[in-house]
Amino acid sequence: MNIDYTVTALMFPAIPLLMNIYSNRFHSLSKLIRQLHDEHVYENHIPPEWKKQFINLSGRINLLKWTIMFAAFGLLFNLLTVFALYLNAIFIARIIFGSCCLSMMVSIIIFLREIQVSTSALKLHMSDMDVDLD
């Protein structure tokens, strides 16, 4: 496979889009944690599923941290690919670009896991309601 600037340019729109999605998710999660914290500390309200929610939120924070970190490595590797192409180091550019793709794949896989954990958190949150959803 020949690698040139157009190959690396394909990743530039995808990476910021993913980073935006991840950061929005992180922002929503941090807002929820702050809201639960205020409810617990200031209103002294402790829901029955609070401990399970805390464990779930802690796990989600960790997953999002790794998701964002691997996406950032993907961006860094993509920029390094451009730099290697600039230096006309084609073999090194191929290896770095492969690392970029691998980092982005790992990021997306971890994000999919975070979505699974998030879904189970929503089911946990709805568990105390007597609503037949069928």
N, C-alpha and C. Protein backbone atom coordinates (compact mmCIF):
# COMPACT_ATOMS: atom_id res chain seq x y z
N MET A 1 0.84 -1.18 0.00
CA MET A 1 0.00 0.00 0.00
C MET A 1 0.88 1.24 0.00
N ASN A 2 0.57 2.13 -0.89
CA ASN A 2 1.26 3.41 -0.89
C ASN A 2 0.61 4.32 0.13
N ILE A 3 1.43 5.03 0.84
CA ILE A 3 0.90 5.96 1.84
C ILE A 3 1.36 7.36 1.47
N ASP A 4 0.42 8.29 1.48
CA ASP A 4 0.75 9.68 1.21
C ASP A 4 -0.12 10.57 2.09
N TYR A 5 -0.08 11.84 1.83
CA TYR A 5 -0.80 12.78 2.67
C TYR A 5 -2.32 12.57 2.62
N THR A 6 -2.83 12.10 1.50
CA THR A 6 -4.29 11.92 1.40
C THR A 6 -4.78 10.80 2.31
N VAL A 7 -3.95 9.78 2.52
CA VAL A 7 -4.33 8.70 3.43
C VAL A 7 -4.47 9.22 4.86
N THR A 8 -3.49 9.99 5.28
CA THR A 8 -3.56 10.53 6.64
C THR A 8 -4.65 11.59 6.76
N ALA A 9 -4.93 12.28 5.67
CA ALA A 9 -5.97 13.31 5.71
C ALA A 9 -7.35 12.70 5.96
N LEU A 10 -7.51 11.43 5.63
CA LEU A 10 -8.79 10.76 5.87
C LEU A 10 -9.11 10.66 7.36
N MET A 11 -8.08 10.61 8.19
CA MET A 11 -8.29 10.47 9.63
C MET A 11 -8.60 11.81 10.31
N PHE A 12 -8.18 12.92 9.73
CA PHE A 12 -8.33 14.20 10.41
C PHE A 12 -9.78 14.59 10.70
N PRO A 13 -10.74 14.33 9.82
CA PRO A 13 -12.13 14.66 10.20
C PRO A 13 -12.70 13.71 11.25
N ALA A 14 -12.27 12.45 11.22
CA ALA A 14 -12.82 11.45 12.13
C ALA A 14 -12.35 11.65 13.57
N ILE A 15 -11.10 11.98 13.75
CA ILE A 15 -10.55 12.08 15.10
C ILE A 15 -11.19 13.21 15.90
N PRO A 16 -11.28 14.43 15.39
CA PRO A 16 -11.95 15.48 16.18
C PRO A 16 -13.42 15.17 16.45
N LEU A 17 -14.08 14.52 15.50
CA LEU A 17 -15.48 14.15 15.71
C LEU A 17 -15.60 13.18 16.88
N LEU A 18 -14.76 12.16 16.90
CA LEU A 18 -14.77 11.22 18.02
C LEU A 18 -14.40 11.89 19.33
N MET A 19 -13.40 12.75 19.29
CA MET A 19 -12.99 13.45 20.51
C MET A 19 -14.14 14.32 21.04
N ASN A 20 -14.89 14.93 20.15
CA ASN A 20 -16.04 15.75 20.54
C ASN A 20 -17.12 14.87 21.19
N ILE A 21 -17.38 13.72 20.60
CA ILE A 21 -18.37 12.80 21.17
C ILE A 21 -17.92 12.34 22.55
N TYR A 22 -16.65 11.98 22.68
CA TYR A 22 -16.13 11.51 23.95
C TYR A 22 -16.17 12.61 25.01
N SER A 23 -15.78 13.81 24.64
CA SER A 23 -15.76 14.89 25.63
C SER A 23 -17.18 15.29 26.04
N ASN A 24 -18.14 15.24 25.12
CA ASN A 24 -19.53 15.51 25.49
C ASN A 24 -20.05 14.45 26.46
N ARG A 25 -19.68 13.23 26.21
CA ARG A 25 -20.07 12.13 27.10
C ARG A 25 -19.45 12.34 28.49
N PHE A 26 -18.18 12.71 28.50
CA PHE A 26 -17.49 12.95 29.76
C PHE A 26 -18.12 14.12 30.51
N HIS A 27 -18.47 15.17 29.78
CA HIS A 27 -19.12 16.34 30.40
C HIS A 27 -20.46 15.94 31.02
N SER A 28 -21.25 15.16 30.31
CA SER A 28 -22.54 14.72 30.84
C SER A 28 -22.36 13.85 32.08
N LEU A 29 -21.36 13.00 32.03
CA LEU A 29 -21.09 12.13 33.18
C LEU A 29 -20.63 12.94 34.39
N SER A 30 -19.77 13.91 34.17
CA SER A 30 -19.30 14.74 35.29
C SER A 30 -20.44 15.58 35.87
N LYS A 31 -21.35 16.03 35.02
CA LYS A 31 -22.51 16.78 35.50
C LYS A 31 -23.39 15.89 36.37
N LEU A 32 -23.59 14.66 35.96
CA LEU A 32 -24.39 13.72 36.73
C LEU A 32 -23.73 13.42 38.08
N ILE A 33 -22.43 13.24 38.08
CA ILE A 33 -21.71 12.96 39.32
C ILE A 33 -21.81 14.15 40.27
N ARG A 34 -21.66 15.35 39.76
CA ARG A 34 -21.79 16.54 40.60
C ARG A 34 -23.20 16.66 41.18
N GLN A 35 -24.18 16.34 40.37
CA GLN A 35 -25.57 16.40 40.82
C GLN A 35 -25.80 15.37 41.93
N LEU A 36 -25.32 14.16 41.75
CA LEU A 36 -25.46 13.13 42.79
C LEU A 36 -24.69 13.52 44.04
N HIS A 37 -23.53 14.12 43.86
CA HIS A 37 -22.74 14.56 45.01
C HIS A 37 -23.50 15.61 45.82
N ASP A 38 -24.05 16.61 45.14
CA ASP A 38 -24.80 17.66 45.82
C ASP A 38 -26.02 17.09 46.53
N GLU A 39 -26.68 16.16 45.85
CA GLU A 39 -27.86 15.53 46.45
C GLU A 39 -27.47 14.76 47.71
N HIS A 40 -26.34 14.12 47.67
CA HIS A 40 -25.88 13.32 48.82
C HIS A 40 -25.37 14.21 49.96
N VAL A 41 -24.56 15.19 49.63
CA VAL A 41 -23.91 16.00 50.67
C VAL A 41 -24.84 17.07 51.23
N TYR A 42 -25.47 17.85 50.35
CA TYR A 42 -26.23 19.00 50.82
C TYR A 42 -27.66 18.66 51.22
N GLU A 43 -28.27 17.75 50.51
CA GLU A 43 -29.65 17.40 50.82
C GLU A 43 -29.74 16.16 51.69
N ASN A 44 -28.60 15.51 51.91
CA ASN A 44 -28.53 14.31 52.73
C ASN A 44 -29.51 13.24 52.25
N HIS A 45 -29.63 13.16 50.93
CA HIS A 45 -30.53 12.19 50.32
C HIS A 45 -29.68 11.06 49.72
N ILE A 46 -29.93 9.86 50.18
CA ILE A 46 -29.17 8.71 49.69
C ILE A 46 -30.15 7.71 49.08
N PRO A 47 -30.19 7.62 47.75
CA PRO A 47 -31.10 6.66 47.13
C PRO A 47 -30.64 5.22 47.43
N PRO A 48 -31.55 4.27 47.39
CA PRO A 48 -31.18 2.90 47.74
C PRO A 48 -30.13 2.30 46.80
N GLU A 49 -30.13 2.70 45.55
CA GLU A 49 -29.17 2.13 44.59
C GLU A 49 -27.91 2.99 44.47
N TRP A 50 -27.68 3.88 45.43
CA TRP A 50 -26.58 4.84 45.36
C TRP A 50 -25.23 4.17 45.24
N LYS A 51 -24.95 3.15 46.04
CA LYS A 51 -23.65 2.48 46.01
C LYS A 51 -23.41 1.83 44.64
N LYS A 52 -24.43 1.18 44.09
CA LYS A 52 -24.29 0.56 42.77
C LYS A 52 -24.06 1.63 41.70
N GLN A 53 -24.75 2.76 41.84
CA GLN A 53 -24.55 3.85 40.89
C GLN A 53 -23.14 4.40 40.98
N PHE A 54 -22.64 4.54 42.19
CA PHE A 54 -21.29 5.06 42.38
C PHE A 54 -20.25 4.14 41.75
N ILE A 55 -20.41 2.85 41.94
CA ILE A 55 -19.48 1.88 41.34
C ILE A 55 -19.57 1.96 39.82
N ASN A 56 -20.79 2.06 39.31
CA ASN A 56 -20.99 2.16 37.87
C ASN A 56 -20.37 3.43 37.31
N LEU A 57 -20.61 4.56 37.97
CA LEU A 57 -20.06 5.84 37.50
C LEU A 57 -18.54 5.85 37.55
N SER A 58 -18.00 5.25 38.59
CA SER A 58 -16.54 5.17 38.70
C SER A 58 -15.95 4.36 37.54
N GLY A 59 -16.59 3.26 37.21
CA GLY A 59 -16.14 2.45 36.08
C GLY A 59 -16.26 3.19 34.76
N ARG A 60 -17.35 3.95 34.60
CA ARG A 60 -17.54 4.70 33.37
C ARG A 60 -16.50 5.80 33.21
N ILE A 61 -16.16 6.44 34.33
CA ILE A 61 -15.12 7.48 34.27
C ILE A 61 -13.81 6.86 33.80
N ASN A 62 -13.48 5.72 34.34
CA ASN A 62 -12.24 5.04 33.96
C ASN A 62 -12.26 4.66 32.48
N LEU A 63 -13.37 4.11 32.02
CA LEU A 63 -13.47 3.75 30.61
C LEU A 63 -13.35 4.97 29.70
N LEU A 64 -13.99 6.06 30.07
CA LEU A 64 -13.90 7.28 29.25
C LEU A 64 -12.49 7.85 29.25
N LYS A 65 -11.80 7.72 30.38
CA LYS A 65 -10.41 8.20 30.44
C LYS A 65 -9.56 7.45 29.42
N TRP A 66 -9.70 6.14 29.38
CA TRP A 66 -8.92 5.34 28.43
C TRP A 66 -9.36 5.60 26.99
N THR A 67 -10.66 5.80 26.79
CA THR A 67 -11.18 6.10 25.46
C THR A 67 -10.57 7.38 24.91
N ILE A 68 -10.60 8.42 25.73
CA ILE A 68 -10.06 9.72 25.30
C ILE A 68 -8.55 9.64 25.12
N MET A 69 -7.88 8.89 25.98
CA MET A 69 -6.43 8.78 25.87
C MET A 69 -6.03 8.07 24.57
N PHE A 70 -6.70 6.98 24.23
CA PHE A 70 -6.36 6.29 22.98
C PHE A 70 -6.71 7.13 21.76
N ALA A 71 -7.79 7.90 21.82
CA ALA A 71 -8.13 8.80 20.72
C ALA A 71 -7.07 9.88 20.57
N ALA A 72 -6.57 10.39 21.70
CA ALA A 72 -5.51 11.39 21.65
C ALA A 72 -4.23 10.80 21.06
N PHE A 73 -3.92 9.56 21.42
CA PHE A 73 -2.77 8.90 20.81
C PHE A 73 -2.98 8.72 19.31
N GLY A 74 -4.22 8.43 18.91
CA GLY A 74 -4.51 8.32 17.48
C GLY A 74 -4.23 9.61 16.75
N LEU A 75 -4.64 10.73 17.33
CA LEU A 75 -4.36 12.04 16.73
C LEU A 75 -2.86 12.29 16.68
N LEU A 76 -2.17 12.00 17.77
CA LEU A 76 -0.72 12.19 17.80
C LEU A 76 -0.03 11.34 16.74
N PHE A 77 -0.42 10.08 16.63
CA PHE A 77 0.19 9.20 15.63
C PHE A 77 -0.12 9.67 14.21
N ASN A 78 -1.31 10.21 14.01
CA ASN A 78 -1.64 10.74 12.68
C ASN A 78 -0.76 11.93 12.34
N LEU A 79 -0.54 12.81 13.30
CA LEU A 79 0.34 13.96 13.07
C LEU A 79 1.78 13.50 12.84
N LEU A 80 2.21 12.49 13.59
CA LEU A 80 3.56 11.95 13.38
C LEU A 80 3.70 11.30 12.01
N THR A 81 2.61 10.71 11.51
CA THR A 81 2.63 10.16 10.15
C THR A 81 2.88 11.25 9.13
N VAL A 82 2.19 12.36 9.28
CA VAL A 82 2.39 13.50 8.37
C VAL A 82 3.84 13.97 8.45
N PHE A 83 4.37 14.04 9.65
CA PHE A 83 5.75 14.48 9.83
C PHE A 83 6.73 13.49 9.19
N ALA A 84 6.48 12.20 9.35
CA ALA A 84 7.34 11.19 8.73
C ALA A 84 7.26 11.26 7.21
N LEU A 85 6.08 11.52 6.68
CA LEU A 85 5.95 11.69 5.23
C LEU A 85 6.71 12.93 4.76
N TYR A 86 6.65 13.98 5.56
CA TYR A 86 7.39 15.19 5.24
C TYR A 86 8.90 14.91 5.17
N LEU A 87 9.36 14.05 6.07
CA LEU A 87 10.79 13.67 6.07
C LEU A 87 11.10 12.58 5.05
N ASN A 88 10.07 12.14 4.32
CA ASN A 88 10.21 11.11 3.30
C ASN A 88 10.62 9.76 3.89
N ALA A 89 10.19 9.48 5.11
CA ALA A 89 10.43 8.20 5.78
C ALA A 89 9.16 7.36 5.64
N ILE A 90 9.00 6.76 4.47
CA ILE A 90 7.75 6.08 4.12
C ILE A 90 7.50 4.86 5.02
N PHE A 91 8.52 4.05 5.26
CA PHE A 91 8.33 2.86 6.09
C PHE A 91 7.91 3.24 7.51
N ILE A 92 8.56 4.22 8.07
CA ILE A 92 8.21 4.69 9.42
C ILE A 92 6.80 5.28 9.43
N ALA A 93 6.45 6.00 8.37
CA ALA A 93 5.11 6.58 8.26
C ALA A 93 4.04 5.48 8.25
N ARG A 94 4.32 4.38 7.57
CA ARG A 94 3.38 3.26 7.55
C ARG A 94 3.18 2.66 8.93
N ILE A 95 4.26 2.48 9.65
CA ILE A 95 4.17 1.92 11.00
C ILE A 95 3.40 2.86 11.92
N ILE A 96 3.71 4.14 11.83
CA ILE A 96 3.04 5.12 12.69
C ILE A 96 1.56 5.21 12.33
N PHE A 97 1.24 5.18 11.04
CA PHE A 97 -0.16 5.25 10.63
C PHE A 97 -0.91 4.00 11.09
N GLY A 98 -0.26 2.86 11.05
CA GLY A 98 -0.88 1.65 11.59
C GLY A 98 -1.17 1.80 13.07
N SER A 99 -0.25 2.44 13.78
CA SER A 99 -0.46 2.71 15.21
C SER A 99 -1.64 3.66 15.42
N CYS A 100 -1.78 4.62 14.52
CA CYS A 100 -2.91 5.54 14.58
C CYS A 100 -4.23 4.77 14.44
N CYS A 101 -4.29 3.93 13.42
CA CYS A 101 -5.51 3.16 13.20
C CYS A 101 -5.80 2.23 14.38
N LEU A 102 -4.77 1.58 14.89
CA LEU A 102 -4.93 0.68 16.02
C LEU A 102 -5.42 1.44 17.26
N SER A 103 -4.85 2.61 17.52
CA SER A 103 -5.27 3.42 18.66
C SER A 103 -6.73 3.81 18.53
N MET A 104 -7.14 4.20 17.35
CA MET A 104 -8.53 4.60 17.15
C MET A 104 -9.47 3.40 17.32
N MET A 105 -9.06 2.23 16.85
CA MET A 105 -9.89 1.04 17.03
C MET A 105 -10.04 0.69 18.50
N VAL A 106 -8.95 0.75 19.24
CA VAL A 106 -9.01 0.48 20.68
C VAL A 106 -9.92 1.50 21.36
N SER A 107 -9.81 2.75 20.98
CA SER A 107 -10.64 3.80 21.54
C SER A 107 -12.12 3.51 21.31
N ILE A 108 -12.47 3.12 20.12
CA ILE A 108 -13.86 2.84 19.79
C ILE A 108 -14.36 1.60 20.53
N ILE A 109 -13.52 0.59 20.65
CA ILE A 109 -13.91 -0.63 21.38
C ILE A 109 -14.17 -0.31 22.85
N ILE A 110 -13.30 0.48 23.46
CA ILE A 110 -13.51 0.87 24.86
C ILE A 110 -14.77 1.71 25.00
N PHE A 111 -15.02 2.58 24.01
CA PHE A 111 -16.23 3.40 24.04
C PHE A 111 -17.48 2.53 23.95
N LEU A 112 -17.43 1.49 23.14
CA LEU A 112 -18.57 0.58 23.06
C LEU A 112 -18.83 -0.10 24.40
N ARG A 113 -17.76 -0.43 25.10
CA ARG A 113 -17.90 -1.02 26.44
C ARG A 113 -18.53 0.00 27.40
N GLU A 114 -18.13 1.27 27.29
CA GLU A 114 -18.70 2.31 28.14
C GLU A 114 -20.19 2.46 27.87
N ILE A 115 -20.59 2.32 26.63
CA ILE A 115 -22.02 2.39 26.29
C ILE A 115 -22.78 1.23 26.94
N GLN A 116 -22.18 0.04 26.95
CA GLN A 116 -22.81 -1.10 27.62
C GLN A 116 -22.98 -0.83 29.11
N VAL A 117 -21.94 -0.30 29.74
CA VAL A 117 -22.01 0.00 31.18
C VAL A 117 -23.05 1.08 31.43
N SER A 118 -23.10 2.07 30.55
CA SER A 118 -24.08 3.15 30.68
C SER A 118 -25.50 2.61 30.56
N THR A 119 -25.71 1.70 29.66
CA THR A 119 -27.04 1.10 29.49
C THR A 119 -27.45 0.33 30.73
N SER A 120 -26.51 -0.41 31.30
CA SER A 120 -26.85 -1.13 32.53
C SER A 120 -27.13 -0.16 33.67
N ALA A 121 -26.48 0.98 33.67
CA ALA A 121 -26.75 2.00 34.70
C ALA A 121 -28.17 2.54 34.55
N LEU A 122 -28.60 2.76 33.32
CA LEU A 122 -29.95 3.24 33.11
C LEU A 122 -30.99 2.21 33.54
N LYS A 123 -30.70 0.94 33.26
CA LYS A 123 -31.61 -0.12 33.70
C LYS A 123 -31.65 -0.19 35.22
N LEU A 124 -30.52 -0.01 35.86
CA LEU A 124 -30.46 0.02 37.32
C LEU A 124 -31.28 1.19 37.87
N HIS A 125 -31.17 2.30 37.21
CA HIS A 125 -31.89 3.50 37.65
C HIS A 125 -33.40 3.32 37.50
N MET A 126 -33.81 2.58 36.49
CA MET A 126 -35.22 2.36 36.25
C MET A 126 -35.77 1.17 37.05
N SER A 127 -34.92 0.45 37.74
CA SER A 127 -35.34 -0.78 38.42
C SER A 127 -36.33 -0.53 39.54
N ASP A 128 -36.34 0.65 40.11
CA ASP A 128 -37.25 0.91 41.22
C ASP A 128 -38.61 1.43 40.77
N MET A 129 -38.82 1.51 39.48
CA MET A 129 -40.12 1.96 38.98
C MET A 129 -40.98 0.76 38.60
N ASP A 130 -42.25 0.82 38.89
CA ASP A 130 -43.16 -0.26 38.54
C ASP A 130 -43.85 0.07 37.21
N VAL A 131 -43.07 0.04 36.16
CA VAL A 131 -43.61 0.36 34.85
C VAL A 131 -43.37 -0.82 33.92
N ASP A 132 -44.42 -1.24 33.27
CA ASP A 132 -44.31 -2.33 32.29
C ASP A 132 -43.98 -1.69 30.95
N LEU A 133 -42.75 -1.90 30.47
CA LEU A 133 -42.29 -1.25 29.24
C LEU A 133 -42.59 -2.05 27.98
N ASP A 134 -43.26 -3.17 28.10
CA ASP A 134 -43.56 -3.97 26.91
C ASP A 134 -44.81 -3.55 26.23
